Full PDB file with SEQRES, HELIX, SHEET, SSBOND, CRYST1, ORIGX, SCALE, CONECT and MASTER records, all heavy atoms in Angstrom:
SEQRES   1 A   32  GLU ARG ARG VAL VAL ALA ASP LEU TRP GLY HIS TYR ASN          
SEQRES   2 A   32  ASP THR ILE ARG VAL ASP HIS ASP PHE ASN HIS LEU GLU          
SEQRES   3 A   32  LYS LEU ASP GLY HIS LEU                                      
HELIX    1 AA1 GLU A   26  ASP A   29  1                                   4    
SHEET    1 AA1 2 ARG A  17  VAL A  18  0                                        
SHEET    2 AA1 2 ASP A  21  PHE A  22 -1                                        
CRYST1    1.000    1.000    1.000  90.00  90.00  90.00 P 1           1          
ORIGX1      1.000000  0.000000  0.000000        0.00000                         
ORIGX2      0.000000  1.000000  0.000000        0.00000                         
ORIGX3      0.000000  0.000000  1.000000        0.00000                         
SCALE1      1.000000  0.000000  0.000000        0.00000                         
SCALE2      0.000000  1.000000  0.000000        0.00000                         
SCALE3      0.000000  0.000000  1.000000        0.00000                         
ATOM      1  N   GLU A   1      58.934 -44.905 211.594  1.00  0.00           N  
ATOM      2  CA  GLU A   1      58.198 -44.490 210.383  1.00  0.00           C  
ATOM      3  C   GLU A   1      58.057 -45.559 209.364  1.00  0.00           C  
ATOM      4  O   GLU A   1      57.306 -45.459 208.404  1.00  0.00           O  
ATOM      5  CB  GLU A   1      58.844 -43.263 209.753  1.00  0.00           C  
ATOM      6  CG  GLU A   1      60.297 -43.474 209.208  1.00  0.00           C  
ATOM      7  CD  GLU A   1      61.344 -43.288 210.267  1.00  0.00           C  
ATOM      8  OE1 GLU A   1      61.009 -43.232 211.462  1.00  0.00           O  
ATOM      9  OE2 GLU A   1      62.512 -43.145 209.882  1.00  0.00           O  
ATOM     10  N   ARG A   2      58.786 -46.658 209.582  1.00  0.00           N  
ATOM     11  CA  ARG A   2      58.645 -47.824 208.685  1.00  0.00           C  
ATOM     12  C   ARG A   2      57.963 -49.032 209.398  1.00  0.00           C  
ATOM     13  O   ARG A   2      58.015 -50.142 208.942  1.00  0.00           O  
ATOM     14  CB  ARG A   2      60.005 -48.277 208.132  1.00  0.00           C  
ATOM     15  CG  ARG A   2      60.547 -47.258 207.129  1.00  0.00           C  
ATOM     16  CD  ARG A   2      61.706 -47.829 206.293  1.00  0.00           C  
ATOM     17  NE  ARG A   2      62.971 -47.825 206.983  1.00  0.00           N  
ATOM     18  CZ  ARG A   2      63.691 -48.950 207.246  1.00  0.00           C  
ATOM     19  NH1 ARG A   2      63.215 -50.126 206.900  1.00  0.00           N  
ATOM     20  NH2 ARG A   2      64.860 -48.841 207.862  1.00  0.00           N  
ATOM     21  N   ARG A   3      57.233 -48.697 210.431  1.00  0.00           N  
ATOM     22  CA  ARG A   3      56.417 -49.687 211.147  1.00  0.00           C  
ATOM     23  C   ARG A   3      54.958 -49.262 211.186  1.00  0.00           C  
ATOM     24  O   ARG A   3      54.645 -48.179 211.664  1.00  0.00           O  
ATOM     25  CB  ARG A   3      56.962 -49.899 212.579  1.00  0.00           C  
ATOM     26  CG  ARG A   3      58.419 -50.320 212.668  1.00  0.00           C  
ATOM     27  CD  ARG A   3      58.742 -50.853 214.106  1.00  0.00           C  
ATOM     28  NE  ARG A   3      58.449 -49.927 215.143  1.00  0.00           N  
ATOM     29  CZ  ARG A   3      59.323 -49.123 215.749  1.00  0.00           C  
ATOM     30  NH1 ARG A   3      60.568 -49.148 215.382  1.00  0.00           N  
ATOM     31  NH2 ARG A   3      58.940 -48.344 216.741  1.00  0.00           N  
ATOM     32  N   VAL A   4      54.091 -50.041 210.585  1.00  0.00           N  
ATOM     33  CA  VAL A   4      52.661 -49.759 210.574  1.00  0.00           C  
ATOM     34  C   VAL A   4      51.989 -50.796 211.493  1.00  0.00           C  
ATOM     35  O   VAL A   4      52.184 -51.974 211.351  1.00  0.00           O  
ATOM     36  CB  VAL A   4      52.102 -49.832 209.157  1.00  0.00           C  
ATOM     37  CG1 VAL A   4      50.580 -49.710 209.182  1.00  0.00           C  
ATOM     38  CG2 VAL A   4      52.721 -48.814 208.256  1.00  0.00           C  
ATOM     39  N   VAL A   5      51.167 -50.278 212.399  1.00  0.00           N  
ATOM     40  CA  VAL A   5      50.434 -51.134 213.335  1.00  0.00           C  
ATOM     41  C   VAL A   5      49.022 -51.316 212.811  1.00  0.00           C  
ATOM     42  O   VAL A   5      48.323 -50.332 212.529  1.00  0.00           O  
ATOM     43  CB  VAL A   5      50.360 -50.518 214.740  1.00  0.00           C  
ATOM     44  CG1 VAL A   5      49.595 -51.434 215.696  1.00  0.00           C  
ATOM     45  CG2 VAL A   5      51.789 -50.274 215.239  1.00  0.00           C  
ATOM     46  N   ALA A   6      48.548 -52.534 212.677  1.00  0.00           N  
ATOM     47  CA  ALA A   6      47.204 -52.864 212.294  1.00  0.00           C  
ATOM     48  C   ALA A   6      46.524 -53.394 213.559  1.00  0.00           C  
ATOM     49  O   ALA A   6      46.712 -54.542 213.979  1.00  0.00           O  
ATOM     50  CB  ALA A   6      47.123 -53.870 211.172  1.00  0.00           C  
ATOM     51  N   ASP A   7      45.811 -52.528 214.272  1.00  0.00           N  
ATOM     52  CA  ASP A   7      45.068 -52.868 215.480  1.00  0.00           C  
ATOM     53  C   ASP A   7      43.775 -53.555 215.114  1.00  0.00           C  
ATOM     54  O   ASP A   7      42.748 -52.925 214.996  1.00  0.00           O  
ATOM     55  CB  ASP A   7      44.851 -51.614 216.325  1.00  0.00           C  
ATOM     56  CG  ASP A   7      43.978 -51.820 217.511  1.00  0.00           C  
ATOM     57  OD1 ASP A   7      43.916 -52.973 217.987  1.00  0.00           O  
ATOM     58  OD2 ASP A   7      43.356 -50.855 217.992  1.00  0.00           O  
ATOM     59  N   LEU A   8      43.757 -54.869 214.928  1.00  0.00           N  
ATOM     60  CA  LEU A   8      42.665 -55.600 214.313  1.00  0.00           C  
ATOM     61  C   LEU A   8      41.482 -55.772 215.296  1.00  0.00           C  
ATOM     62  O   LEU A   8      40.397 -56.072 214.797  1.00  0.00           O  
ATOM     63  CB  LEU A   8      43.147 -56.938 213.833  1.00  0.00           C  
ATOM     64  CG  LEU A   8      44.247 -56.925 212.756  1.00  0.00           C  
ATOM     65  CD1 LEU A   8      44.605 -58.270 212.227  1.00  0.00           C  
ATOM     66  CD2 LEU A   8      43.803 -55.994 211.602  1.00  0.00           C  
ATOM     67  N   TRP A   9      41.681 -55.600 216.618  1.00  0.00           N  
ATOM     68  CA  TRP A   9      40.620 -55.826 217.507  1.00  0.00           C  
ATOM     69  C   TRP A   9      40.187 -54.570 218.328  1.00  0.00           C  
ATOM     70  O   TRP A   9      39.534 -54.671 219.318  1.00  0.00           O  
ATOM     71  CB  TRP A   9      40.968 -56.993 218.490  1.00  0.00           C  
ATOM     72  CG  TRP A   9      40.922 -58.323 217.895  1.00  0.00           C  
ATOM     73  CD1 TRP A   9      40.675 -58.613 216.605  1.00  0.00           C  
ATOM     74  CD2 TRP A   9      41.054 -59.577 218.574  1.00  0.00           C  
ATOM     75  NE1 TRP A   9      40.717 -59.994 216.427  1.00  0.00           N  
ATOM     76  CE2 TRP A   9      40.885 -60.618 217.664  1.00  0.00           C  
ATOM     77  CE3 TRP A   9      41.236 -59.945 219.904  1.00  0.00           C  
ATOM     78  CZ2 TRP A   9      40.961 -61.976 217.976  1.00  0.00           C  
ATOM     79  CZ3 TRP A   9      41.315 -61.280 220.240  1.00  0.00           C  
ATOM     80  CH2 TRP A   9      41.159 -62.317 219.294  1.00  0.00           C  
ATOM     81  N   GLY A  10      40.624 -53.426 217.897  1.00  0.00           N  
ATOM     82  CA  GLY A  10      40.157 -52.210 218.455  1.00  0.00           C  
ATOM     83  C   GLY A  10      40.724 -51.902 219.879  1.00  0.00           C  
ATOM     84  O   GLY A  10      40.084 -51.242 220.638  1.00  0.00           O  
ATOM     85  N   HIS A  11      41.895 -52.430 220.153  1.00  0.00           N  
ATOM     86  CA  HIS A  11      42.499 -52.149 221.451  1.00  0.00           C  
ATOM     87  C   HIS A  11      42.862 -50.681 221.663  1.00  0.00           C  
ATOM     88  O   HIS A  11      42.805 -50.162 222.777  1.00  0.00           O  
ATOM     89  CB  HIS A  11      43.803 -52.986 221.664  1.00  0.00           C  
ATOM     90  CG  HIS A  11      43.530 -54.421 221.706  1.00  0.00           C  
ATOM     91  ND1 HIS A  11      42.824 -55.078 222.701  1.00  0.00           N  
ATOM     92  CD2 HIS A  11      44.015 -55.482 220.914  1.00  0.00           C  
ATOM     93  CE1 HIS A  11      42.735 -56.339 222.516  1.00  0.00           C  
ATOM     94  NE2 HIS A  11      43.481 -56.665 221.465  1.00  0.00           N  
ATOM     95  N   TYR A  12      43.218 -50.021 220.577  1.00  0.00           N  
ATOM     96  CA  TYR A  12      43.686 -48.624 220.664  1.00  0.00           C  
ATOM     97  C   TYR A  12      42.490 -47.703 220.666  1.00  0.00           C  
ATOM     98  O   TYR A  12      42.226 -46.905 219.735  1.00  0.00           O  
ATOM     99  CB  TYR A  12      44.620 -48.325 219.537  1.00  0.00           C  
ATOM    100  CG  TYR A  12      45.372 -46.997 219.647  1.00  0.00           C  
ATOM    101  CD1 TYR A  12      46.215 -46.744 220.763  1.00  0.00           C  
ATOM    102  CD2 TYR A  12      45.217 -45.986 218.740  1.00  0.00           C  
ATOM    103  CE1 TYR A  12      46.910 -45.543 220.864  1.00  0.00           C  
ATOM    104  CE2 TYR A  12      45.870 -44.758 218.856  1.00  0.00           C  
ATOM    105  CZ  TYR A  12      46.695 -44.548 219.907  1.00  0.00           C  
ATOM    106  OH  TYR A  12      47.335 -43.338 220.014  1.00  0.00           O  
ATOM    107  N   ASN A  13      41.703 -47.799 221.717  1.00  0.00           N  
ATOM    108  CA  ASN A  13      40.530 -46.938 221.929  1.00  0.00           C  
ATOM    109  C   ASN A  13      40.350 -46.841 223.456  1.00  0.00           C  
ATOM    110  O   ASN A  13      40.968 -47.598 224.189  1.00  0.00           O  
ATOM    111  CB  ASN A  13      39.249 -47.556 221.366  1.00  0.00           C  
ATOM    112  CG  ASN A  13      39.169 -47.430 219.872  1.00  0.00           C  
ATOM    113  OD1 ASN A  13      39.039 -46.329 219.308  1.00  0.00           O  
ATOM    114  ND2 ASN A  13      39.155 -48.582 219.135  1.00  0.00           N  
ATOM    115  N   ASP A  14      39.517 -45.928 223.903  1.00  0.00           N  
ATOM    116  CA  ASP A  14      39.119 -45.931 225.255  1.00  0.00           C  
ATOM    117  C   ASP A  14      38.434 -47.252 225.527  1.00  0.00           C  
ATOM    118  O   ASP A  14      37.989 -47.977 224.538  1.00  0.00           O  
ATOM    119  CB  ASP A  14      38.193 -44.758 225.541  1.00  0.00           C  
ATOM    120  CG  ASP A  14      38.880 -43.437 225.452  1.00  0.00           C  
ATOM    121  OD1 ASP A  14      40.140 -43.384 225.583  1.00  0.00           O  
ATOM    122  OD2 ASP A  14      38.192 -42.462 225.125  1.00  0.00           O  
ATOM    123  N   THR A  15      38.298 -47.676 226.776  1.00  0.00           N  
ATOM    124  CA  THR A  15      37.627 -48.891 227.096  1.00  0.00           C  
ATOM    125  C   THR A  15      36.192 -48.877 226.622  1.00  0.00           C  
ATOM    126  O   THR A  15      35.422 -47.938 226.957  1.00  0.00           O  
ATOM    127  CB  THR A  15      37.713 -49.181 228.601  1.00  0.00           C  
ATOM    128  OG1 THR A  15      39.069 -49.326 228.994  1.00  0.00           O  
ATOM    129  CG2 THR A  15      36.950 -50.451 228.967  1.00  0.00           C  
ATOM    130  N   ILE A  16      35.825 -49.876 225.893  1.00  0.00           N  
ATOM    131  CA  ILE A  16      34.477 -50.002 225.279  1.00  0.00           C  
ATOM    132  C   ILE A  16      33.917 -51.356 225.722  1.00  0.00           C  
ATOM    133  O   ILE A  16      34.560 -52.370 225.630  1.00  0.00           O  
ATOM    134  CB  ILE A  16      34.503 -49.876 223.745  1.00  0.00           C  
ATOM    135  CG1 ILE A  16      35.142 -48.556 223.343  1.00  0.00           C  
ATOM    136  CG2 ILE A  16      33.147 -50.075 223.160  1.00  0.00           C  
ATOM    137  CD1 ILE A  16      35.480 -48.539 221.825  1.00  0.00           C  
ATOM    138  N   ARG A  17      32.691 -51.317 226.184  1.00  0.00           N  
ATOM    139  CA  ARG A  17      31.979 -52.540 226.546  1.00  0.00           C  
ATOM    140  C   ARG A  17      30.622 -52.547 225.821  1.00  0.00           C  
ATOM    141  O   ARG A  17      29.851 -51.597 226.012  1.00  0.00           O  
ATOM    142  CB  ARG A  17      31.840 -52.691 228.050  1.00  0.00           C  
ATOM    143  CG  ARG A  17      31.313 -54.074 228.486  1.00  0.00           C  
ATOM    144  CD  ARG A  17      31.170 -54.157 230.018  1.00  0.00           C  
ATOM    145  NE  ARG A  17      30.849 -55.540 230.373  1.00  0.00           N  
ATOM    146  CZ  ARG A  17      31.708 -56.447 230.734  1.00  0.00           C  
ATOM    147  NH1 ARG A  17      32.999 -56.137 230.779  1.00  0.00           N  
ATOM    148  NH2 ARG A  17      31.345 -57.650 231.068  1.00  0.00           N  
ATOM    149  N   VAL A  18      30.314 -53.587 225.102  1.00  0.00           N  
ATOM    150  CA  VAL A  18      29.042 -53.711 224.370  1.00  0.00           C  
ATOM    151  C   VAL A  18      28.514 -55.115 224.726  1.00  0.00           C  
ATOM    152  O   VAL A  18      29.115 -56.140 224.345  1.00  0.00           O  
ATOM    153  CB  VAL A  18      29.259 -53.626 222.853  1.00  0.00           C  
ATOM    154  CG1 VAL A  18      27.851 -53.593 222.198  1.00  0.00           C  
ATOM    155  CG2 VAL A  18      29.958 -52.322 222.498  1.00  0.00           C  
ATOM    156  N   ASP A  19      27.374 -55.138 225.382  1.00  0.00           N  
ATOM    157  CA  ASP A  19      26.857 -56.410 225.921  1.00  0.00           C  
ATOM    158  C   ASP A  19      27.909 -57.075 226.770  1.00  0.00           C  
ATOM    159  O   ASP A  19      28.428 -56.457 227.709  1.00  0.00           O  
ATOM    160  CB  ASP A  19      26.393 -57.325 224.772  1.00  0.00           C  
ATOM    161  CG  ASP A  19      25.247 -56.710 223.984  1.00  0.00           C  
ATOM    162  OD1 ASP A  19      24.475 -55.977 224.576  1.00  0.00           O  
ATOM    163  OD2 ASP A  19      25.134 -57.050 222.771  1.00  0.00           O  
ATOM    164  N   HIS A  20      28.322 -58.291 226.446  1.00  0.00           N  
ATOM    165  CA  HIS A  20      29.406 -58.950 227.174  1.00  0.00           C  
ATOM    166  C   HIS A  20      30.759 -58.689 226.550  1.00  0.00           C  
ATOM    167  O   HIS A  20      31.790 -59.154 227.070  1.00  0.00           O  
ATOM    168  CB  HIS A  20      29.146 -60.416 227.260  1.00  0.00           C  
ATOM    169  CG  HIS A  20      27.967 -60.828 227.981  1.00  0.00           C  
ATOM    170  ND1 HIS A  20      27.692 -60.380 229.284  1.00  0.00           N  
ATOM    171  CD2 HIS A  20      26.873 -61.608 227.647  1.00  0.00           C  
ATOM    172  CE1 HIS A  20      26.526 -60.892 229.700  1.00  0.00           C  
ATOM    173  NE2 HIS A  20      26.008 -61.660 228.725  1.00  0.00           N  
ATOM    174  N   ASP A  21      30.790 -57.996 225.458  1.00  0.00           N  
ATOM    175  CA  ASP A  21      32.065 -57.847 224.666  1.00  0.00           C  
ATOM    176  C   ASP A  21      32.801 -56.583 225.081  1.00  0.00           C  
ATOM    177  O   ASP A  21      32.197 -55.612 225.542  1.00  0.00           O  
ATOM    178  CB  ASP A  21      31.718 -57.764 223.198  1.00  0.00           C  
ATOM    179  CG  ASP A  21      32.845 -58.174 222.275  1.00  0.00           C  
ATOM    180  OD1 ASP A  21      33.920 -58.506 222.827  1.00  0.00           O  
ATOM    181  OD2 ASP A  21      32.654 -58.143 221.059  1.00  0.00           O  
ATOM    182  N   PHE A  22      34.152 -56.650 224.943  1.00  0.00           N  
ATOM    183  CA  PHE A  22      34.941 -55.506 225.372  1.00  0.00           C  
ATOM    184  C   PHE A  22      36.222 -55.551 224.629  1.00  0.00           C  
ATOM    185  O   PHE A  22      36.695 -56.600 224.060  1.00  0.00           O  
ATOM    186  CB  PHE A  22      35.183 -55.642 226.877  1.00  0.00           C  
ATOM    187  CG  PHE A  22      35.350 -57.055 227.396  1.00  0.00           C  
ATOM    188  CD1 PHE A  22      36.541 -57.738 227.223  1.00  0.00           C  
ATOM    189  CD2 PHE A  22      34.292 -57.719 227.967  1.00  0.00           C  
ATOM    190  CE1 PHE A  22      36.635 -59.002 227.697  1.00  0.00           C  
ATOM    191  CE2 PHE A  22      34.424 -59.027 228.428  1.00  0.00           C  
ATOM    192  CZ  PHE A  22      35.629 -59.675 228.294  1.00  0.00           C  
ATOM    193  N   ASN A  23      36.946 -54.375 224.603  1.00  0.00           N  
ATOM    194  CA  ASN A  23      38.219 -54.302 223.843  1.00  0.00           C  
ATOM    195  C   ASN A  23      39.441 -54.448 224.708  1.00  0.00           C  
ATOM    196  O   ASN A  23      40.513 -54.679 224.231  1.00  0.00           O  
ATOM    197  CB  ASN A  23      38.294 -53.002 223.062  1.00  0.00           C  
ATOM    198  CG  ASN A  23      38.207 -51.759 223.936  1.00  0.00           C  
ATOM    199  OD1 ASN A  23      37.626 -51.776 224.987  1.00  0.00           O  
ATOM    200  ND2 ASN A  23      38.860 -50.681 223.463  1.00  0.00           N  
ATOM    201  N   HIS A  24      39.257 -54.339 226.040  1.00  0.00           N  
ATOM    202  CA  HIS A  24      40.402 -54.545 226.993  1.00  0.00           C  
ATOM    203  C   HIS A  24      40.050 -55.741 227.872  1.00  0.00           C  
ATOM    204  O   HIS A  24      39.216 -55.623 228.746  1.00  0.00           O  
ATOM    205  CB  HIS A  24      40.654 -53.276 227.784  1.00  0.00           C  
ATOM    206  CG  HIS A  24      40.989 -52.087 226.940  1.00  0.00           C  
ATOM    207  ND1 HIS A  24      40.551 -50.785 227.149  1.00  0.00           N  
ATOM    208  CD2 HIS A  24      41.729 -52.016 225.791  1.00  0.00           C  
ATOM    209  CE1 HIS A  24      41.052 -49.985 226.278  1.00  0.00           C  
ATOM    210  NE2 HIS A  24      41.756 -50.711 225.375  1.00  0.00           N  
ATOM    211  N   LEU A  25      40.733 -56.826 227.618  1.00  0.00           N  
ATOM    212  CA  LEU A  25      40.363 -58.110 228.208  1.00  0.00           C  
ATOM    213  C   LEU A  25      41.180 -58.325 229.496  1.00  0.00           C  
ATOM    214  O   LEU A  25      41.921 -59.281 229.616  1.00  0.00           O  
ATOM    215  CB  LEU A  25      40.667 -59.228 227.252  1.00  0.00           C  
ATOM    216  CG  LEU A  25      40.211 -58.968 225.767  1.00  0.00           C  
ATOM    217  CD1 LEU A  25      40.625 -60.149 224.894  1.00  0.00           C  
ATOM    218  CD2 LEU A  25      38.754 -58.710 225.691  1.00  0.00           C  
ATOM    219  N   GLU A  26      40.959 -57.404 230.520  1.00  0.00           N  
ATOM    220  CA  GLU A  26      41.741 -57.537 231.697  1.00  0.00           C  
ATOM    221  C   GLU A  26      41.660 -58.895 232.372  1.00  0.00           C  
ATOM    222  O   GLU A  26      42.684 -59.460 232.846  1.00  0.00           O  
ATOM    223  CB  GLU A  26      41.355 -56.408 232.722  1.00  0.00           C  
ATOM    224  CG  GLU A  26      41.644 -55.022 232.226  1.00  0.00           C  
ATOM    225  CD  GLU A  26      40.417 -54.385 231.620  1.00  0.00           C  
ATOM    226  OE1 GLU A  26      39.523 -55.108 231.103  1.00  0.00           O  
ATOM    227  OE2 GLU A  26      40.363 -53.107 231.580  1.00  0.00           O  
ATOM    228  N   LYS A  27      40.494 -59.466 232.457  1.00  0.00           N  
ATOM    229  CA  LYS A  27      40.266 -60.751 233.131  1.00  0.00           C  
ATOM    230  C   LYS A  27      40.989 -61.875 232.391  1.00  0.00           C  
ATOM    231  O   LYS A  27      41.296 -62.910 232.964  1.00  0.00           O  
ATOM    232  CB  LYS A  27      38.809 -61.093 233.241  1.00  0.00           C  
ATOM    233  CG  LYS A  27      38.049 -60.269 234.320  1.00  0.00           C  
ATOM    234  CD  LYS A  27      36.634 -60.784 234.428  1.00  0.00           C  
ATOM    235  CE  LYS A  27      35.863 -60.006 235.534  1.00  0.00           C  
ATOM    236  NZ  LYS A  27      34.495 -60.552 235.658  1.00  0.00           N  
ATOM    237  N   LEU A  28      41.164 -61.701 231.086  1.00  0.00           N  
ATOM    238  CA  LEU A  28      41.685 -62.771 230.252  1.00  0.00           C  
ATOM    239  C   LEU A  28      43.192 -62.650 230.047  1.00  0.00           C  
ATOM    240  O   LEU A  28      43.928 -63.619 230.238  1.00  0.00           O  
ATOM    241  CB  LEU A  28      40.972 -62.878 228.885  1.00  0.00           C  
ATOM    242  CG  LEU A  28      41.180 -64.058 228.032  1.00  0.00           C  
ATOM    243  CD1 LEU A  28      40.694 -65.295 228.782  1.00  0.00           C  
ATOM    244  CD2 LEU A  28      40.480 -63.946 226.719  1.00  0.00           C  
ATOM    245  N   ASP A  29      43.626 -61.468 229.628  1.00  0.00           N  
ATOM    246  CA  ASP A  29      45.048 -61.323 229.341  1.00  0.00           C  
ATOM    247  C   ASP A  29      45.853 -60.518 230.355  1.00  0.00           C  
ATOM    248  O   ASP A  29      47.067 -60.352 230.221  1.00  0.00           O  
ATOM    249  CB  ASP A  29      45.281 -60.796 227.921  1.00  0.00           C  
ATOM    250  CG  ASP A  29      44.661 -59.433 227.700  1.00  0.00           C  
ATOM    251  OD1 ASP A  29      44.693 -58.557 228.645  1.00  0.00           O  
ATOM    252  OD2 ASP A  29      44.153 -59.151 226.577  1.00  0.00           O  
ATOM    253  N   GLY A  30      45.158 -59.893 231.309  1.00  0.00           N  
ATOM    254  CA  GLY A  30      45.834 -59.230 232.344  1.00  0.00           C  
ATOM    255  C   GLY A  30      46.344 -57.838 231.998  1.00  0.00           C  
ATOM    256  O   GLY A  30      47.091 -57.203 232.822  1.00  0.00           O  
ATOM    257  N   HIS A  31      45.958 -57.289 230.840  1.00  0.00           N  
ATOM    258  CA  HIS A  31      46.494 -55.969 230.448  1.00  0.00           C  
ATOM    259  C   HIS A  31      45.352 -54.898 230.469  1.00  0.00           C  
ATOM    260  O   HIS A  31      44.317 -55.132 229.884  1.00  0.00           O  
ATOM    261  CB  HIS A  31      47.102 -56.039 229.075  1.00  0.00           C  
ATOM    262  CG  HIS A  31      48.335 -56.908 229.022  1.00  0.00           C  
ATOM    263  ND1 HIS A  31      49.497 -56.463 229.515  1.00  0.00           N  
ATOM    264  CD2 HIS A  31      48.548 -58.135 228.535  1.00  0.00           C  
ATOM    265  CE1 HIS A  31      50.421 -57.416 229.398  1.00  0.00           C  
ATOM    266  NE2 HIS A  31      49.865 -58.503 228.763  1.00  0.00           N  
ATOM    267  N   LEU A  32      45.638 -53.776 231.051  1.00  0.00           N  
ATOM    268  CA  LEU A  32      44.710 -52.679 231.137  1.00  0.00           C  
ATOM    269  C   LEU A  32      44.751 -51.848 229.836  1.00  0.00           C  
ATOM    270  O   LEU A  32      45.627 -51.958 229.039  1.00  0.00           O  
ATOM    271  CB  LEU A  32      45.028 -51.800 232.326  1.00  0.00           C  
ATOM    272  CG  LEU A  32      45.046 -52.543 233.690  1.00  0.00           C  
ATOM    273  CD1 LEU A  32      45.542 -51.575 234.825  1.00  0.00           C  
ATOM    274  CD2 LEU A  32      43.645 -53.075 234.046  1.00  0.00           C  
TER     275      LEU A  32                                                      
MASTER        0    0    0    1    2    0    0    6  274    1    0    3          
END                                                                             
């Protein structure tokens, strides 16, 4: 309750892809 998360790049969403952009960078950082 004393930890606030600022998700600055929108990771905490369903997978979103817009043009070539995406919020879950599996190819780059290996995390789903």
